[in-house]
N, C-alpha and C. Protein backbone atom coordinates (compact mmCIF):
# COMPACT_ATOMS: atom_id res chain seq x y z
N MET A 1 147.50 76.03 15.83
CA MET A 1 146.76 77.25 15.66
C MET A 1 147.11 77.92 14.33
N LYS A 2 148.41 77.95 14.02
CA LYS A 2 148.86 78.57 12.78
C LYS A 2 148.31 77.82 11.56
N GLN A 3 148.27 76.51 11.65
CA GLN A 3 147.74 75.70 10.55
C GLN A 3 146.25 75.94 10.37
N LYS A 4 145.54 76.12 11.47
CA LYS A 4 144.11 76.37 11.40
C LYS A 4 143.84 77.71 10.70
N LEU A 5 144.63 78.74 11.04
CA LEU A 5 144.50 80.04 10.39
C LEU A 5 144.83 79.96 8.90
N GLN A 6 145.85 79.18 8.56
CA GLN A 6 146.21 79.00 7.15
C GLN A 6 145.09 78.31 6.38
N LYS A 7 144.45 77.35 7.02
CA LYS A 7 143.33 76.64 6.40
C LYS A 7 142.16 77.58 6.15
N ILE A 8 141.87 78.43 7.13
CA ILE A 8 140.78 79.40 6.98
C ILE A 8 141.12 80.38 5.87
N GLN A 9 142.36 80.84 5.83
CA GLN A 9 142.78 81.78 4.79
C GLN A 9 142.68 81.13 3.41
N GLU A 10 143.06 79.89 3.31
CA GLU A 10 142.99 79.16 2.04
C GLU A 10 141.54 79.05 1.56
N ARG A 11 140.63 78.75 2.50
CA ARG A 11 139.21 78.69 2.13
C ARG A 11 138.69 80.04 1.67
N MET A 12 139.13 81.10 2.34
CA MET A 12 138.68 82.45 1.98
C MET A 12 139.18 82.85 0.59
N VAL A 13 140.41 82.49 0.28
CA VAL A 13 140.99 82.84 -1.02
C VAL A 13 140.22 82.18 -2.16
N HIS A 14 139.74 80.98 -1.95
CA HIS A 14 139.07 80.24 -3.02
C HIS A 14 137.54 80.26 -2.92
N ASP A 15 137.00 81.07 -2.03
CA ASP A 15 135.54 81.14 -1.87
C ASP A 15 134.94 82.08 -2.92
N PRO A 16 134.12 81.56 -3.85
CA PRO A 16 133.57 82.42 -4.89
C PRO A 16 132.58 83.47 -4.36
N LYS A 17 131.86 83.13 -3.30
CA LYS A 17 130.92 84.10 -2.72
C LYS A 17 131.66 85.29 -2.12
N LEU A 18 132.78 85.03 -1.45
CA LEU A 18 133.57 86.11 -0.87
C LEU A 18 134.17 86.98 -1.97
N LYS A 19 134.67 86.35 -3.03
CA LYS A 19 135.22 87.13 -4.16
C LYS A 19 134.15 88.02 -4.78
N LYS A 20 132.94 87.48 -4.91
CA LYS A 20 131.83 88.26 -5.48
C LYS A 20 131.48 89.43 -4.57
N ALA A 21 131.48 89.20 -3.26
CA ALA A 21 131.16 90.27 -2.32
C ALA A 21 132.22 91.37 -2.35
N VAL A 22 133.48 90.98 -2.41
CA VAL A 22 134.56 91.97 -2.47
C VAL A 22 134.48 92.76 -3.77
N ASP A 23 134.21 92.08 -4.88
CA ASP A 23 134.09 92.77 -6.16
C ASP A 23 132.91 93.73 -6.18
N SER A 24 131.85 93.40 -5.46
CA SER A 24 130.68 94.28 -5.47
C SER A 24 130.92 95.56 -4.67
N ILE A 25 131.79 95.54 -3.66
CA ILE A 25 132.05 96.76 -2.89
C ILE A 25 133.23 97.56 -3.43
N ARG A 26 134.04 96.97 -4.26
CA ARG A 26 135.20 97.67 -4.80
C ARG A 26 134.75 98.73 -5.80
N PRO A 27 135.22 99.97 -5.61
CA PRO A 27 134.90 100.99 -6.61
C PRO A 27 135.55 100.62 -7.95
N LYS A 28 134.85 100.89 -9.01
CA LYS A 28 135.35 100.53 -10.33
C LYS A 28 136.46 101.49 -10.76
N ARG A 29 137.37 101.01 -11.58
CA ARG A 29 138.49 101.82 -12.04
C ARG A 29 138.05 102.62 -13.27
N THR A 30 137.16 103.55 -13.01
CA THR A 30 136.67 104.44 -14.04
C THR A 30 136.75 105.86 -13.50
N LEU A 31 136.47 106.80 -14.37
CA LEU A 31 136.44 108.20 -13.94
C LEU A 31 135.40 108.39 -12.84
N TRP A 32 134.23 107.77 -13.00
CA TRP A 32 133.15 107.93 -12.02
C TRP A 32 133.48 107.26 -10.69
N GLY A 33 134.22 106.18 -10.72
CA GLY A 33 134.63 105.53 -9.48
C GLY A 33 135.55 106.43 -8.66
N VAL A 34 136.53 107.03 -9.33
CA VAL A 34 137.47 107.91 -8.65
C VAL A 34 136.77 109.19 -8.20
N VAL A 35 135.92 109.77 -9.06
CA VAL A 35 135.19 110.98 -8.69
C VAL A 35 134.28 110.70 -7.50
N GLY A 36 133.64 109.54 -7.48
CA GLY A 36 132.77 109.19 -6.36
C GLY A 36 133.53 109.13 -5.05
N ILE A 37 134.71 108.53 -5.07
CA ILE A 37 135.54 108.46 -3.85
C ILE A 37 135.93 109.86 -3.40
N ILE A 38 136.34 110.69 -4.35
CA ILE A 38 136.75 112.05 -4.01
C ILE A 38 135.58 112.84 -3.44
N LEU A 39 134.42 112.75 -4.09
CA LEU A 39 133.25 113.50 -3.61
C LEU A 39 132.76 113.01 -2.25
N PHE A 40 132.85 111.73 -2.00
CA PHE A 40 132.31 111.17 -0.76
C PHE A 40 133.26 111.33 0.42
N PHE A 41 134.57 111.19 0.19
CA PHE A 41 135.51 111.18 1.31
C PHE A 41 136.30 112.48 1.47
N PHE A 42 136.65 113.15 0.38
CA PHE A 42 137.55 114.29 0.48
C PHE A 42 136.85 115.64 0.46
N VAL A 43 135.83 115.81 -0.36
CA VAL A 43 135.17 117.12 -0.47
C VAL A 43 134.52 117.56 0.84
N PRO A 44 133.80 116.70 1.57
CA PRO A 44 133.25 117.16 2.86
C PRO A 44 134.33 117.61 3.85
N GLU A 45 135.46 116.94 3.84
CA GLU A 45 136.55 117.34 4.74
C GLU A 45 137.16 118.66 4.30
N LEU A 46 137.25 118.88 3.00
CA LEU A 46 137.75 120.15 2.49
C LEU A 46 136.80 121.29 2.86
N ILE A 47 135.51 121.06 2.73
CA ILE A 47 134.51 122.07 3.12
C ILE A 47 134.61 122.37 4.60
N THR A 48 134.76 121.34 5.41
CA THR A 48 134.90 121.54 6.86
C THR A 48 136.17 122.33 7.16
N TYR A 49 137.25 122.03 6.47
CA TYR A 49 138.52 122.72 6.70
C TYR A 49 138.41 124.21 6.34
N ILE A 50 137.77 124.51 5.21
CA ILE A 50 137.68 125.89 4.74
C ILE A 50 136.69 126.71 5.55
N TRP A 51 135.50 126.17 5.80
CA TRP A 51 134.43 126.93 6.43
C TRP A 51 134.11 126.48 7.85
N GLN A 52 135.07 125.94 8.55
CA GLN A 52 134.83 125.43 9.91
C GLN A 52 134.25 126.49 10.86
N PRO A 53 134.79 127.70 10.93
CA PRO A 53 134.20 128.68 11.87
C PRO A 53 132.74 129.02 11.55
N GLU A 54 132.44 129.20 10.27
CA GLU A 54 131.07 129.53 9.88
C GLU A 54 130.12 128.38 10.17
N LEU A 55 130.55 127.16 9.88
CA LEU A 55 129.70 125.99 10.13
C LEU A 55 129.45 125.80 11.63
N THR A 56 130.49 125.98 12.42
CA THR A 56 130.35 125.84 13.87
C THR A 56 129.41 126.91 14.43
N ALA A 57 129.55 128.14 13.96
CA ALA A 57 128.68 129.22 14.43
C ALA A 57 127.24 128.98 14.02
N TRP A 58 127.04 128.51 12.79
CA TRP A 58 125.69 128.21 12.30
C TRP A 58 125.03 127.13 13.16
N ALA A 59 125.76 126.05 13.43
CA ALA A 59 125.21 124.96 14.24
C ALA A 59 124.95 125.43 15.67
N HIS A 60 125.83 126.26 16.21
CA HIS A 60 125.64 126.76 17.58
C HIS A 60 124.38 127.63 17.66
N THR A 61 124.20 128.50 16.68
CA THR A 61 123.01 129.35 16.66
C THR A 61 121.74 128.51 16.64
N HIS A 62 121.72 127.49 15.81
CA HIS A 62 120.54 126.63 15.72
C HIS A 62 120.36 125.78 16.98
N SER A 63 121.45 125.40 17.62
CA SER A 63 121.32 124.60 18.84
C SER A 63 120.73 125.42 19.99
N ILE A 64 120.83 126.72 19.91
CA ILE A 64 120.26 127.59 20.95
C ILE A 64 118.82 127.99 20.61
N THR A 65 118.55 128.27 19.33
CA THR A 65 117.25 128.84 18.95
C THR A 65 116.21 127.83 18.53
N GLU A 66 116.59 126.59 18.34
CA GLU A 66 115.64 125.57 17.86
C GLU A 66 114.60 125.28 18.94
N PRO A 67 113.31 125.30 18.59
CA PRO A 67 112.26 125.07 19.61
C PRO A 67 112.16 123.62 20.09
N LEU A 68 112.50 122.65 19.27
CA LEU A 68 112.36 121.25 19.67
C LEU A 68 113.65 120.74 20.30
N ALA A 69 113.51 120.07 21.43
CA ALA A 69 114.68 119.59 22.18
C ALA A 69 115.52 118.61 21.37
N MET A 70 114.86 117.72 20.63
CA MET A 70 115.60 116.73 19.85
C MET A 70 116.45 117.42 18.77
N GLN A 71 115.90 118.42 18.13
CA GLN A 71 116.67 119.12 17.10
C GLN A 71 117.79 119.95 17.72
N ARG A 72 117.57 120.49 18.92
CA ARG A 72 118.66 121.20 19.61
C ARG A 72 119.81 120.25 19.89
N MET A 73 119.48 119.03 20.30
CA MET A 73 120.53 118.03 20.54
C MET A 73 121.28 117.70 19.25
N LEU A 74 120.54 117.57 18.16
CA LEU A 74 121.18 117.25 16.88
C LEU A 74 122.11 118.38 16.43
N TYR A 75 121.66 119.63 16.58
CA TYR A 75 122.52 120.75 16.22
C TYR A 75 123.73 120.84 17.14
N ALA A 76 123.56 120.51 18.41
CA ALA A 76 124.70 120.50 19.35
C ALA A 76 125.72 119.44 18.93
N GLN A 77 125.25 118.27 18.50
CA GLN A 77 126.15 117.23 18.01
C GLN A 77 126.85 117.67 16.74
N LEU A 78 126.09 118.33 15.86
CA LEU A 78 126.67 118.84 14.62
C LEU A 78 127.73 119.89 14.92
N GLU A 79 127.46 120.75 15.90
CA GLU A 79 128.45 121.75 16.30
C GLU A 79 129.73 121.08 16.81
N LYS A 80 129.56 120.05 17.62
CA LYS A 80 130.73 119.32 18.14
C LYS A 80 131.51 118.68 17.00
N MET A 81 130.79 118.11 16.04
CA MET A 81 131.45 117.47 14.90
C MET A 81 132.26 118.48 14.10
N PHE A 82 131.68 119.66 13.85
CA PHE A 82 132.40 120.68 13.09
C PHE A 82 133.56 121.25 13.91
N ALA A 83 133.38 121.38 15.22
CA ALA A 83 134.43 121.93 16.08
C ALA A 83 135.64 120.99 16.14
N ASP A 84 135.39 119.69 16.01
CA ASP A 84 136.49 118.71 16.04
C ASP A 84 137.39 118.83 14.82
N GLY A 85 136.89 119.45 13.76
CA GLY A 85 137.71 119.67 12.57
C GLY A 85 137.64 118.51 11.59
N VAL A 86 138.68 118.40 10.82
CA VAL A 86 138.76 117.42 9.73
C VAL A 86 138.85 116.01 10.31
N SER A 87 138.14 115.09 9.68
CA SER A 87 138.18 113.69 10.10
C SER A 87 139.29 112.97 9.35
N TRP A 88 140.35 112.69 10.07
CA TRP A 88 141.47 111.99 9.44
C TRP A 88 141.10 110.55 9.12
N LEU A 89 140.12 110.01 9.80
CA LEU A 89 139.64 108.67 9.49
C LEU A 89 139.03 108.64 8.09
N ASN A 90 138.16 109.63 7.78
CA ASN A 90 137.57 109.69 6.44
C ASN A 90 138.63 109.86 5.37
N ILE A 91 139.59 110.72 5.62
CA ILE A 91 140.66 110.94 4.64
C ILE A 91 141.46 109.65 4.46
N GLY A 92 141.74 108.96 5.56
CA GLY A 92 142.47 107.69 5.46
C GLY A 92 141.71 106.64 4.69
N ILE A 93 140.41 106.54 4.94
CA ILE A 93 139.59 105.57 4.20
C ILE A 93 139.57 105.93 2.72
N GLY A 94 139.46 107.22 2.42
CA GLY A 94 139.47 107.67 1.03
C GLY A 94 140.78 107.32 0.33
N VAL A 95 141.89 107.52 1.03
CA VAL A 95 143.20 107.18 0.46
C VAL A 95 143.29 105.67 0.20
N VAL A 96 142.81 104.89 1.15
CA VAL A 96 142.84 103.43 0.98
C VAL A 96 141.99 103.02 -0.23
N PHE A 97 140.79 103.61 -0.38
CA PHE A 97 139.96 103.29 -1.53
C PHE A 97 140.63 103.70 -2.84
N LEU A 98 141.23 104.89 -2.87
CA LEU A 98 141.92 105.32 -4.09
C LEU A 98 143.08 104.37 -4.43
N PHE A 99 143.82 103.96 -3.41
CA PHE A 99 144.91 103.00 -3.63
C PHE A 99 144.37 101.67 -4.14
N TRP A 100 143.24 101.24 -3.58
CA TRP A 100 142.61 99.98 -3.98
C TRP A 100 142.18 100.05 -5.44
N VAL A 101 141.59 101.19 -5.84
CA VAL A 101 141.17 101.36 -7.24
C VAL A 101 142.39 101.39 -8.14
N TRP A 102 143.43 102.10 -7.73
CA TRP A 102 144.63 102.22 -8.55
C TRP A 102 145.31 100.87 -8.73
N ARG A 103 145.33 100.03 -7.69
CA ARG A 103 145.98 98.73 -7.75
C ARG A 103 145.12 97.64 -8.39
N SER A 104 143.82 97.89 -8.52
CA SER A 104 142.95 96.85 -9.05
C SER A 104 143.10 96.74 -10.57
N LYS A 105 142.69 95.62 -11.07
CA LYS A 105 142.71 95.40 -12.52
C LYS A 105 141.56 96.16 -13.14
N ALA A 106 141.76 96.58 -14.36
CA ALA A 106 140.73 97.36 -15.07
C ALA A 106 139.53 96.58 -15.31
């Protein structure tokens, strides 16, 4: 079993299509790559942390007053999302991407 896993890993390491796919999803080591990671992963969590009560109240108001049932459900979900607070998963993914960019070759 261990040899089979080593064989699969060896094929993955030398697979040009896999290398191309990984390179295409890796953020580039540029100012825009780092800014993109920060804007996508950290800024929404910072906004949620700072304005959580206002956002939750806004979503709650809309979940009560919205005339369409589907939109009431969406606002209720949004309220729940804001009430849960900061997403540590998003922050963790952002940290991993920043580390990946920092460790990658220019």
